């Protein structure tokens, strides 16, 4: 098994970090097929997530996010790519003045790209050739 450990500091406080983490958990369930459990505590929240090939926890405090994930054999081969994408997206998100807004915009952009790709796949092969 391959392990991923990512820790990032933030300055949004527990209430705002909690909202962002809860939104992440909802998105992980909807888009990635994860099963997530959100446990809210007085000073620390923990999101436990699992699906075939991966399980872990996201710990949320007033000033940090800590992600610990264990990748199964097949996903373990892609550890560096998976970890790199998580780090890139998290750092980009936390660099924004309003991480919640950045998260929503990122989801909208991802959704629009997926719809465009699906629409292109439905076009007949000749139409796709002409479009290129």
N, C-alpha and C. Protein backbone atom coordinates (compact mmCIF):
# COMPACT_ATOMS: atom_id res chain seq x y z
N UNK A 1 0.84 -1.19 0.00
CA UNK A 1 0.00 0.00 0.00
C UNK A 1 0.87 1.25 0.00
N UNK A 2 0.40 2.28 -0.67
CA UNK A 2 1.10 3.56 -0.70
C UNK A 2 0.32 4.55 0.18
N UNK A 3 1.05 5.33 0.92
CA UNK A 3 0.44 6.32 1.80
C UNK A 3 0.67 7.72 1.28
N UNK A 4 -0.34 8.58 1.48
CA UNK A 4 -0.25 10.00 1.15
C UNK A 4 -0.51 10.77 2.43
N UNK A 5 0.35 11.73 2.71
CA UNK A 5 0.16 12.62 3.86
C UNK A 5 0.38 14.04 3.37
N UNK A 6 -0.65 14.86 3.51
CA UNK A 6 -0.58 16.26 3.09
C UNK A 6 -1.12 17.11 4.22
N UNK A 7 -0.37 18.13 4.58
CA UNK A 7 -0.82 19.06 5.63
C UNK A 7 -0.68 20.48 5.10
N UNK A 8 -1.76 21.24 5.24
CA UNK A 8 -1.74 22.63 4.80
C UNK A 8 -2.35 23.51 5.88
N UNK A 9 -1.69 24.62 6.13
CA UNK A 9 -2.17 25.63 7.08
C UNK A 9 -3.15 26.54 6.35
N UNK A 10 -4.07 27.11 7.11
CA UNK A 10 -5.00 28.09 6.56
C UNK A 10 -5.34 29.09 7.66
N UNK A 11 -6.01 30.17 7.26
CA UNK A 11 -6.36 31.21 8.22
C UNK A 11 -7.86 31.47 8.23
N UNK A 12 -8.66 30.48 7.84
CA UNK A 12 -10.09 30.74 7.72
C UNK A 12 -10.89 30.43 8.98
N UNK A 13 -10.29 29.84 9.99
CA UNK A 13 -11.03 29.49 11.20
C UNK A 13 -11.80 28.20 11.01
N UNK A 14 -12.26 27.63 12.13
CA UNK A 14 -12.91 26.33 12.08
C UNK A 14 -14.25 26.37 11.35
N UNK A 15 -15.05 27.39 11.56
CA UNK A 15 -16.37 27.43 10.93
C UNK A 15 -16.27 27.40 9.41
N UNK A 16 -15.41 28.23 8.85
CA UNK A 16 -15.26 28.28 7.39
C UNK A 16 -14.55 27.02 6.86
N UNK A 17 -13.56 26.54 7.59
CA UNK A 17 -12.86 25.31 7.17
C UNK A 17 -13.83 24.14 7.19
N UNK A 18 -14.70 24.11 8.16
CA UNK A 18 -15.71 23.06 8.29
C UNK A 18 -16.63 23.06 7.07
N UNK A 19 -17.08 24.25 6.67
CA UNK A 19 -17.95 24.36 5.49
C UNK A 19 -17.26 23.83 4.25
N UNK A 20 -16.00 24.21 4.08
CA UNK A 20 -15.24 23.78 2.91
C UNK A 20 -15.03 22.26 2.92
N UNK A 21 -14.70 21.72 4.07
CA UNK A 21 -14.47 20.28 4.18
C UNK A 21 -15.76 19.50 3.94
N UNK A 22 -16.87 20.02 4.43
CA UNK A 22 -18.15 19.35 4.22
C UNK A 22 -18.50 19.36 2.73
N UNK A 23 -18.25 20.47 2.06
CA UNK A 23 -18.50 20.57 0.62
C UNK A 23 -17.59 19.59 -0.13
N UNK A 24 -16.33 19.48 0.30
CA UNK A 24 -15.42 18.53 -0.32
C UNK A 24 -15.96 17.10 -0.17
N UNK A 25 -16.46 16.76 1.02
CA UNK A 25 -16.98 15.42 1.27
C UNK A 25 -18.18 15.14 0.36
N UNK A 26 -19.07 16.10 0.21
CA UNK A 26 -20.23 15.93 -0.67
C UNK A 26 -19.77 15.70 -2.11
N UNK A 27 -18.79 16.48 -2.54
CA UNK A 27 -18.27 16.37 -3.90
C UNK A 27 -17.56 15.03 -4.10
N UNK A 28 -16.80 14.59 -3.10
CA UNK A 28 -16.12 13.30 -3.19
C UNK A 28 -17.12 12.16 -3.34
N UNK A 29 -18.24 12.27 -2.65
CA UNK A 29 -19.28 11.25 -2.78
C UNK A 29 -19.91 11.29 -4.17
N UNK A 30 -20.26 12.49 -4.63
CA UNK A 30 -20.95 12.64 -5.92
C UNK A 30 -20.06 12.35 -7.11
N UNK A 31 -18.85 12.85 -7.10
CA UNK A 31 -17.99 12.78 -8.28
C UNK A 31 -17.00 11.63 -8.27
N UNK A 32 -16.60 11.17 -7.10
CA UNK A 32 -15.57 10.14 -7.01
C UNK A 32 -16.07 8.81 -6.47
N UNK A 33 -17.35 8.74 -6.13
CA UNK A 33 -17.91 7.50 -5.63
C UNK A 33 -17.42 7.12 -4.24
N UNK A 34 -16.96 8.10 -3.48
CA UNK A 34 -16.49 7.85 -2.12
C UNK A 34 -17.67 7.71 -1.16
N UNK A 35 -17.46 6.97 -0.10
CA UNK A 35 -18.37 6.97 1.03
C UNK A 35 -17.69 7.82 2.09
N UNK A 36 -18.34 8.89 2.49
CA UNK A 36 -17.74 9.81 3.46
C UNK A 36 -18.58 9.90 4.71
N UNK A 37 -17.90 9.97 5.84
CA UNK A 37 -18.54 10.19 7.13
C UNK A 37 -17.91 11.43 7.73
N UNK A 38 -18.74 12.39 8.12
CA UNK A 38 -18.25 13.64 8.67
C UNK A 38 -18.55 13.66 10.16
N UNK A 39 -17.48 13.73 10.97
CA UNK A 39 -17.63 13.80 12.42
C UNK A 39 -17.19 15.18 12.89
N UNK A 40 -18.15 15.93 13.40
CA UNK A 40 -17.88 17.28 13.86
C UNK A 40 -17.53 17.26 15.34
N UNK A 41 -16.41 17.88 15.67
CA UNK A 41 -15.99 17.98 17.06
C UNK A 41 -15.95 19.42 17.52
N UNK A 42 -15.58 19.61 18.76
CA UNK A 42 -15.53 20.97 19.30
C UNK A 42 -14.39 21.77 18.68
N UNK A 43 -13.23 21.15 18.52
CA UNK A 43 -12.07 21.86 17.97
C UNK A 43 -11.51 21.19 16.72
N UNK A 44 -11.96 19.98 16.43
CA UNK A 44 -11.44 19.22 15.30
C UNK A 44 -12.56 18.41 14.67
N UNK A 45 -12.62 18.43 13.33
CA UNK A 45 -13.55 17.60 12.59
C UNK A 45 -12.75 16.55 11.84
N UNK A 46 -13.36 15.41 11.59
CA UNK A 46 -12.70 14.36 10.82
C UNK A 46 -13.66 13.84 9.76
N UNK A 47 -13.19 13.88 8.50
CA UNK A 47 -13.93 13.29 7.40
C UNK A 47 -13.23 11.96 7.09
N UNK A 48 -13.95 10.88 7.24
CA UNK A 48 -13.43 9.56 6.90
C UNK A 48 -13.99 9.22 5.52
N UNK A 49 -13.10 8.79 4.61
CA UNK A 49 -13.54 8.47 3.26
C UNK A 49 -13.01 7.11 2.83
N UNK A 50 -13.80 6.45 1.99
CA UNK A 50 -13.40 5.13 1.49
C UNK A 50 -14.09 4.84 0.18
N UNK A 51 -13.43 4.06 -0.63
CA UNK A 51 -13.97 3.46 -1.85
C UNK A 51 -12.97 2.40 -2.26
N UNK A 52 -13.30 1.63 -3.24
CA UNK A 52 -12.38 0.58 -3.68
C UNK A 52 -11.02 1.19 -4.02
N UNK A 53 -9.99 0.70 -3.38
CA UNK A 53 -8.63 1.14 -3.69
C UNK A 53 -8.09 2.30 -2.90
N UNK A 54 -8.92 2.92 -2.06
CA UNK A 54 -8.43 4.05 -1.26
C UNK A 54 -9.30 4.23 -0.01
N UNK A 55 -8.65 4.63 1.07
CA UNK A 55 -9.38 5.03 2.27
C UNK A 55 -8.50 6.00 3.03
N UNK A 56 -9.14 6.80 3.87
CA UNK A 56 -8.34 7.76 4.63
C UNK A 56 -9.19 8.71 5.44
N UNK A 57 -8.52 9.76 5.92
CA UNK A 57 -9.15 10.77 6.75
C UNK A 57 -8.67 12.15 6.37
N UNK A 58 -9.57 13.10 6.47
CA UNK A 58 -9.23 14.51 6.35
C UNK A 58 -9.54 15.12 7.71
N UNK A 59 -8.51 15.61 8.38
CA UNK A 59 -8.68 16.24 9.69
C UNK A 59 -8.71 17.74 9.49
N UNK A 60 -9.71 18.38 10.08
CA UNK A 60 -9.95 19.81 9.91
C UNK A 60 -9.87 20.51 11.26
N UNK A 61 -9.03 21.52 11.35
CA UNK A 61 -8.95 22.34 12.56
C UNK A 61 -9.10 23.81 12.16
N UNK A 62 -9.05 24.69 13.15
CA UNK A 62 -9.21 26.12 12.87
C UNK A 62 -8.10 26.67 12.00
N UNK A 63 -6.97 25.97 11.92
CA UNK A 63 -5.85 26.51 11.14
C UNK A 63 -5.13 25.50 10.25
N UNK A 64 -5.73 24.28 10.07
CA UNK A 64 -5.06 23.32 9.18
C UNK A 64 -6.01 22.28 8.63
N UNK A 65 -5.59 21.73 7.49
CA UNK A 65 -6.19 20.55 6.90
C UNK A 65 -5.09 19.50 6.86
N UNK A 66 -5.39 18.29 7.29
CA UNK A 66 -4.42 17.20 7.21
C UNK A 66 -5.12 16.03 6.52
N UNK A 67 -4.57 15.62 5.39
CA UNK A 67 -5.11 14.51 4.63
C UNK A 67 -4.16 13.33 4.75
N UNK A 68 -4.69 12.21 5.20
CA UNK A 68 -3.95 10.95 5.24
C UNK A 68 -4.77 9.94 4.47
N UNK A 69 -4.16 9.38 3.42
CA UNK A 69 -4.85 8.40 2.58
C UNK A 69 -3.96 7.19 2.35
N UNK A 70 -4.60 6.06 2.25
CA UNK A 70 -3.90 4.82 1.95
C UNK A 70 -4.44 4.31 0.62
N UNK A 71 -3.54 4.17 -0.34
CA UNK A 71 -3.91 3.71 -1.67
C UNK A 71 -3.68 2.21 -1.77
N UNK A 72 -4.60 1.51 -2.39
CA UNK A 72 -4.44 0.09 -2.62
C UNK A 72 -3.39 -0.17 -3.69
N UNK A 73 -3.20 -1.43 -4.01
CA UNK A 73 -2.15 -1.85 -4.92
C UNK A 73 -2.23 -1.15 -6.28
N UNK A 74 -3.41 -1.16 -6.90
CA UNK A 74 -3.53 -0.57 -8.24
C UNK A 74 -3.35 0.95 -8.23
N UNK A 75 -4.01 1.64 -7.32
CA UNK A 75 -3.86 3.09 -7.25
C UNK A 75 -2.48 3.50 -6.74
N UNK A 76 -1.86 2.63 -5.97
CA UNK A 76 -0.52 2.91 -5.45
C UNK A 76 0.48 3.18 -6.56
N UNK A 77 0.27 2.58 -7.71
CA UNK A 77 1.16 2.81 -8.85
C UNK A 77 1.08 4.24 -9.34
N UNK A 78 0.00 4.93 -9.01
CA UNK A 78 -0.20 6.32 -9.45
C UNK A 78 -0.07 7.31 -8.30
N UNK A 79 0.59 6.90 -7.22
CA UNK A 79 0.70 7.72 -6.02
C UNK A 79 1.20 9.13 -6.30
N UNK A 80 2.30 9.26 -7.04
CA UNK A 80 2.88 10.58 -7.29
C UNK A 80 1.92 11.47 -8.05
N UNK A 81 1.23 10.93 -9.05
CA UNK A 81 0.28 11.73 -9.84
C UNK A 81 -0.91 12.14 -8.98
N UNK A 82 -1.45 11.21 -8.22
CA UNK A 82 -2.60 11.50 -7.35
C UNK A 82 -2.22 12.54 -6.31
N UNK A 83 -1.10 12.33 -5.65
CA UNK A 83 -0.65 13.28 -4.62
C UNK A 83 -0.39 14.65 -5.23
N UNK A 84 0.24 14.67 -6.39
CA UNK A 84 0.53 15.94 -7.06
C UNK A 84 -0.73 16.72 -7.40
N UNK A 85 -1.76 16.03 -7.87
CA UNK A 85 -3.02 16.70 -8.20
C UNK A 85 -3.70 17.24 -6.95
N UNK A 86 -3.68 16.47 -5.87
CA UNK A 86 -4.29 16.93 -4.62
C UNK A 86 -3.56 18.18 -4.12
N UNK A 87 -2.24 18.13 -4.10
CA UNK A 87 -1.45 19.27 -3.62
C UNK A 87 -1.70 20.50 -4.49
N UNK A 88 -1.67 20.30 -5.81
CA UNK A 88 -1.88 21.43 -6.74
C UNK A 88 -3.24 22.08 -6.51
N UNK A 89 -4.28 21.25 -6.44
CA UNK A 89 -5.64 21.78 -6.27
C UNK A 89 -5.85 22.41 -4.90
N UNK A 90 -5.32 21.80 -3.86
CA UNK A 90 -5.48 22.36 -2.52
C UNK A 90 -4.73 23.68 -2.38
N UNK A 91 -3.50 23.72 -2.87
CA UNK A 91 -2.72 24.96 -2.79
C UNK A 91 -3.39 26.08 -3.58
N UNK A 92 -3.91 25.74 -4.74
CA UNK A 92 -4.61 26.73 -5.58
C UNK A 92 -5.85 27.25 -4.85
N UNK A 93 -6.58 26.36 -4.24
CA UNK A 93 -7.79 26.71 -3.51
C UNK A 93 -7.48 27.61 -2.31
N UNK A 94 -6.48 27.23 -1.53
CA UNK A 94 -6.14 28.00 -0.33
C UNK A 94 -5.48 29.34 -0.64
N UNK A 95 -4.98 29.50 -1.86
CA UNK A 95 -4.37 30.78 -2.25
C UNK A 95 -5.41 31.86 -2.51
N UNK A 96 -6.66 31.47 -2.72
CA UNK A 96 -7.72 32.43 -2.98
C UNK A 96 -8.16 33.12 -1.69
N UNK A 97 -8.59 34.35 -1.85
CA UNK A 97 -9.11 35.10 -0.71
C UNK A 97 -10.38 34.45 -0.16
N UNK A 98 -11.19 33.91 -1.08
CA UNK A 98 -12.42 33.22 -0.69
C UNK A 98 -12.38 31.78 -1.22
N UNK A 99 -11.82 30.84 -0.44
CA UNK A 99 -11.70 29.46 -0.90
C UNK A 99 -13.04 28.82 -1.26
N UNK A 100 -14.13 29.21 -0.58
CA UNK A 100 -15.45 28.65 -0.89
C UNK A 100 -15.87 29.01 -2.31
N UNK A 101 -15.69 30.28 -2.66
CA UNK A 101 -16.02 30.74 -4.00
C UNK A 101 -15.14 30.05 -5.03
N UNK A 102 -13.85 29.91 -4.74
CA UNK A 102 -12.92 29.25 -5.65
C UNK A 102 -13.32 27.79 -5.85
N UNK A 103 -13.76 27.13 -4.80
CA UNK A 103 -14.19 25.74 -4.89
C UNK A 103 -15.41 25.62 -5.81
N UNK A 104 -16.40 26.49 -5.60
CA UNK A 104 -17.60 26.48 -6.43
C UNK A 104 -17.28 26.75 -7.89
N UNK A 105 -16.42 27.72 -8.15
CA UNK A 105 -16.03 28.04 -9.53
C UNK A 105 -15.27 26.87 -10.15
N UNK A 106 -14.42 26.22 -9.38
CA UNK A 106 -13.69 25.06 -9.87
C UNK A 106 -14.63 23.92 -10.25
N UNK A 107 -15.65 23.70 -9.42
CA UNK A 107 -16.64 22.66 -9.72
C UNK A 107 -17.41 23.00 -10.99
N UNK A 108 -17.81 24.26 -11.12
CA UNK A 108 -18.56 24.69 -12.30
C UNK A 108 -17.70 24.51 -13.56
N UNK A 109 -16.44 24.87 -13.48
CA UNK A 109 -15.54 24.74 -14.63
C UNK A 109 -15.36 23.27 -15.00
N UNK A 110 -15.17 22.42 -13.98
CA UNK A 110 -15.02 20.99 -14.22
C UNK A 110 -16.29 20.41 -14.86
N UNK A 111 -17.45 20.83 -14.36
CA UNK A 111 -18.73 20.34 -14.87
C UNK A 111 -18.91 20.76 -16.33
N UNK A 112 -18.59 22.00 -16.66
CA UNK A 112 -18.72 22.49 -18.03
C UNK A 112 -17.79 21.73 -18.98
N UNK A 113 -16.57 21.46 -18.54
CA UNK A 113 -15.62 20.71 -19.37
C UNK A 113 -16.11 19.29 -19.60
N UNK A 114 -16.67 18.67 -18.58
CA UNK A 114 -17.19 17.31 -18.71
C UNK A 114 -18.38 17.27 -19.67
N UNK A 115 -19.24 18.27 -19.59
CA UNK A 115 -20.39 18.33 -20.51
C UNK A 115 -19.93 18.52 -21.95
N UNK A 116 -18.93 19.37 -22.15
CA UNK A 116 -18.40 19.62 -23.48
C UNK A 116 -17.78 18.33 -24.06
N UNK A 117 -17.06 17.62 -23.23
CA UNK A 117 -16.44 16.37 -23.66
C UNK A 117 -17.50 15.34 -24.01
N UNK A 118 -18.55 15.25 -23.20
CA UNK A 118 -19.64 14.29 -23.47
C UNK A 118 -20.37 14.65 -24.75
N UNK A 119 -20.59 15.94 -24.99
CA UNK A 119 -21.27 16.37 -26.21
C UNK A 119 -20.42 16.05 -27.44
N UNK A 120 -19.12 16.26 -27.33
CA UNK A 120 -18.22 15.95 -28.45
C UNK A 120 -18.20 14.47 -28.75
N UNK A 121 -18.30 13.65 -27.74
CA UNK A 121 -18.28 12.20 -27.93
C UNK A 121 -19.55 11.71 -28.62
N UNK A 122 -20.64 12.46 -28.50
CA UNK A 122 -21.91 12.06 -29.12
C UNK A 122 -21.97 12.43 -30.60
N UNK A 123 -21.10 13.33 -31.07
CA UNK A 123 -21.10 13.73 -32.47
C UNK A 123 -20.64 12.57 -33.33
N UNK A 124 -21.17 12.48 -34.54
CA UNK A 124 -20.68 11.43 -35.46
C UNK A 124 -19.20 11.64 -35.75
N UNK A 125 -18.51 10.57 -36.10
CA UNK A 125 -17.07 10.62 -36.36
C UNK A 125 -16.73 11.65 -37.42
N UNK A 126 -17.52 11.80 -38.46
CA UNK A 126 -17.21 12.77 -39.52
C UNK A 126 -17.30 14.19 -38.99
N UNK A 127 -18.26 14.46 -38.11
CA UNK A 127 -18.37 15.79 -37.55
C UNK A 127 -17.19 16.12 -36.66
N UNK A 128 -16.69 15.15 -35.94
CA UNK A 128 -15.53 15.40 -35.09
C UNK A 128 -14.31 15.69 -35.94
N UNK A 129 -14.16 15.00 -37.07
CA UNK A 129 -13.00 15.23 -37.92
C UNK A 129 -13.03 16.64 -38.47
N UNK A 130 -14.18 17.12 -38.87
CA UNK A 130 -14.30 18.46 -39.42
C UNK A 130 -14.01 19.52 -38.37
N UNK A 131 -14.38 19.26 -37.14
CA UNK A 131 -14.18 20.23 -36.07
C UNK A 131 -12.70 20.40 -35.75
N UNK A 132 -11.89 19.41 -35.99
CA UNK A 132 -10.46 19.47 -35.68
C UNK A 132 -9.80 20.31 -36.67
